[in-house]
C-alpha atoms as a PDB file:
ATOM      1  CA  MET A   1       0.000   0.000   0.000  1.00  0.00           C
ATOM      2  CA  LYS A   2       0.962   3.638  -0.325  1.00  0.00           C
ATOM      3  CA  LEU A   3      -0.150   7.017   0.937  1.00  0.00           C
ATOM      4  CA  LYS A   4      -2.347   8.726  -1.654  1.00  0.00           C
ATOM      5  CA  SER A   5      -0.647  11.504  -3.530  1.00  0.00           C
ATOM      6  CA  GLY A   6      -1.878  14.987  -2.776  1.00  0.00           C
ATOM      7  CA  PHE A   7      -1.859  14.600   0.999  1.00  0.00           C
ATOM      8  CA  VAL A   8       0.871  16.464   2.859  1.00  0.00           C
ATOM      9  CA  LEU A   9       2.046  16.525   6.449  1.00  0.00           C
ATOM     10  CA  ARG A  10       2.224  20.047   7.846  1.00  0.00           C
ATOM     11  CA  GLU A  11       2.830  21.606  11.224  1.00  0.00           C
ATOM     12  CA  VAL A  12       0.158  24.069  12.337  1.00  0.00           C
ATOM     13  CA  CYS A  13       0.316  25.612  15.812  1.00  0.00           C
ATOM     14  CA  ASN A  14       2.721  22.893  17.009  1.00  0.00           C
ATOM     15  CA  GLN A  15       0.328  20.168  15.794  1.00  0.00           C
ATOM     16  CA  LYS A  16       1.143  17.765  12.939  1.00  0.00           C
ATOM     17  CA  ILE A  17      -1.748  17.538  10.484  1.00  0.00           C
ATOM     18  CA  VAL A  18      -2.361  15.910   7.132  1.00  0.00           C
ATOM     19  CA  ALA A  19      -4.091  18.156   4.634  1.00  0.00           C
ATOM     20  CA  ALA A  20      -5.241  17.596   1.063  1.00  0.00           C
ATOM     21  CA  GLU A  21      -3.758  19.482  -1.851  1.00  0.00           C
ATOM     22  CA  GLY A  22      -4.769  19.405  -5.496  1.00  0.00           C
ATOM     23  CA  LEU A  23      -7.953  18.800  -7.414  1.00  0.00           C
ATOM     24  CA  GLN A  24      -7.847  15.000  -7.035  1.00  0.00           C
ATOM     25  CA  ASN A  25      -8.593  15.458  -3.314  1.00  0.00           C
ATOM     26  CA  ILE A  26     -11.195  18.185  -3.574  1.00  0.00           C
ATOM     27  CA  ASN A  27     -13.761  16.119  -1.631  1.00  0.00           C
ATOM     28  CA  PHE A  28     -11.425  15.672   1.359  1.00  0.00           C
ATOM     29  CA  ASN A  29     -12.982  18.216   3.700  1.00  0.00           C
ATOM     30  CA  LYS A  30     -11.129  17.534   6.925  1.00  0.00           C
ATOM     31  CA  LEU A  31      -7.719  17.672   8.504  1.00  0.00           C
ATOM     32  CA  LEU A  32      -6.148  14.582   9.980  1.00  0.00           C
ATOM     33  CA  ALA A  33      -4.266  15.274  13.236  1.00  0.00           C
ATOM     34  CA  LEU A  34      -1.306  12.991  13.954  1.00  0.00           C
ATOM     35  CA  ASN A  35       0.525  12.428  17.215  1.00  0.00           C
ATOM     36  CA  VAL A  36       4.333  12.386  17.254  1.00  0.00           C
ATOM     37  CA  SER A  37       4.722   8.684  16.461  1.00  0.00           C
ATOM     38  CA  ALA A  38       2.067   8.733  13.711  1.00  0.00           C
ATOM     39  CA  ALA A  39       3.759  11.764  12.126  1.00  0.00           C
ATOM     40  CA  PHE A  40       7.099   9.925  12.338  1.00  0.00           C
ATOM     41  CA  LEU A  41       5.578   6.950  10.501  1.00  0.00           C
ATOM     42  CA  TRP A  42       3.982   9.195   7.861  1.00  0.00           C
ATOM     43  CA  GLU A  43       7.386  10.716   7.142  1.00  0.00           C
ATOM     44  CA  GLU A  44       9.000   7.241   7.060  1.00  0.00           C
ATOM     45  CA  VAL A  45       6.663   5.911   4.363  1.00  0.00           C
ATOM     46  CA  GLU A  46       5.779   9.018   2.380  1.00  0.00           C
ATOM     47  CA  GLY A  47       6.276   8.290  -1.311  1.00  0.00           C
ATOM     48  CA  LYS A  48       7.023   4.577  -0.724  1.00  0.00           C
ATOM     49  CA  GLU A  49       5.211   1.256  -0.822  1.00  0.00           C
ATOM     50  CA  PHE A  50       4.866  -0.168   2.693  1.00  0.00           C
ATOM     51  CA  THR A  51       3.226  -2.836   4.827  1.00  0.00           C
ATOM     52  CA  VAL A  52       2.042  -2.967   8.412  1.00  0.00           C
ATOM     53  CA  GLU A  53       5.282  -4.804   9.183  1.00  0.00           C
ATOM     54  CA  ASP A  54       7.315  -1.903   7.766  1.00  0.00           C
ATOM     55  CA  LEU A  55       5.517   0.492  10.096  1.00  0.00           C
ATOM     56  CA  ALA A  56       6.050  -1.816  13.069  1.00  0.00           C
ATOM     57  CA  ASP A  57       9.755  -2.219  12.279  1.00  0.00           C
ATOM     58  CA  ALA A  58      10.133   1.571  12.166  1.00  0.00           C
ATOM     59  CA  LEU A  59       8.455   1.879  15.582  1.00  0.00           C
ATOM     60  CA  VAL A  60      10.735  -0.782  17.053  1.00  0.00           C
ATOM     61  CA  ARG A  61      13.825   0.980  15.638  1.00  0.00           C
ATOM     62  CA  GLU A  62      12.768   4.464  16.724  1.00  0.00           C
ATOM     63  CA  TYR A  63      11.154   3.789  20.096  1.00  0.00           C
ATOM     64  CA  GLY A  64      12.525   0.401  21.143  1.00  0.00           C
ATOM     65  CA  ILE A  65       9.073  -1.025  21.819  1.00  0.00           C
ATOM     66  CA  ASP A  66       8.032  -4.676  21.660  1.00  0.00           C
ATOM     67  CA  LYS A  67       7.334  -5.939  18.121  1.00  0.00           C
ATOM     68  CA  GLU A  68       3.900  -7.289  19.060  1.00  0.00           C
ATOM     69  CA  LEU A  69       2.830  -3.905  20.457  1.00  0.00           C
ATOM     70  CA  ALA A  70       4.323  -2.167  17.416  1.00  0.00           C
ATOM     71  CA  LEU A  71       2.283  -4.392  15.079  1.00  0.00           C
ATOM     72  CA  LYS A  72      -0.923  -3.698  17.010  1.00  0.00           C
ATOM     73  CA  ASP A  73      -0.308   0.057  17.033  1.00  0.00           C
ATOM     74  CA  SER A  74       0.642   0.035  13.339  1.00  0.00           C
ATOM     75  CA  GLN A  75      -2.528  -1.837  12.398  1.00  0.00           C
ATOM     76  CA  ASN A  76      -4.643   0.629  14.392  1.00  0.00           C
ATOM     77  CA  LEU A  77      -2.942   3.529  12.636  1.00  0.00           C
ATOM     78  CA  LEU A  78      -3.486   1.951   9.210  1.00  0.00           C
ATOM     79  CA  ASP A  79      -7.145   1.403  10.054  1.00  0.00           C
ATOM     80  CA  SER A  80      -7.515   5.095  10.892  1.00  0.00           C
ATOM     81  CA  TRP A  81      -5.678   6.158   7.711  1.00  0.00           C
ATOM     82  CA  ARG A  82      -7.871   3.796   5.698  1.00  0.00           C
ATOM     83  CA  ALA A  83     -11.031   5.258   7.264  1.00  0.00           C
ATOM     84  CA  ALA A  84      -9.770   8.779   6.503  1.00  0.00           C
ATOM     85  CA  GLY A  85      -9.222   7.832   2.851  1.00  0.00           C
ATOM     86  CA  VAL A  86      -5.500   8.612   2.647  1.00  0.00           C
ATOM     87  CA  LEU A  87      -4.302   5.144   1.545  1.00  0.00           C
ATOM     88  CA  ASP A  88      -3.922   3.643  -1.929  1.00  0.00           C
ATOM     89  CA  GLU A  89      -4.189  -0.125  -1.635  1.00  0.00           C
END
């Protein structure tokens, strides 16, 4: 899977948000707020193909957490990105 093109991570008032840019995303009428670890993962995979395992591996490398917890957190994040419509699968 990949992040859809036209969505960019920005910092607004010390908050990381994903916003839509371009005509292909004209129906995206919301901002997606990301916490620090979600923003880290967005930056890790932006412009690349990735899997839930790739996200989990990045969390383990960056934060030193247990792989099982990293997989669970990564799947939850992907579910929220999927629901927001920012993934190409």
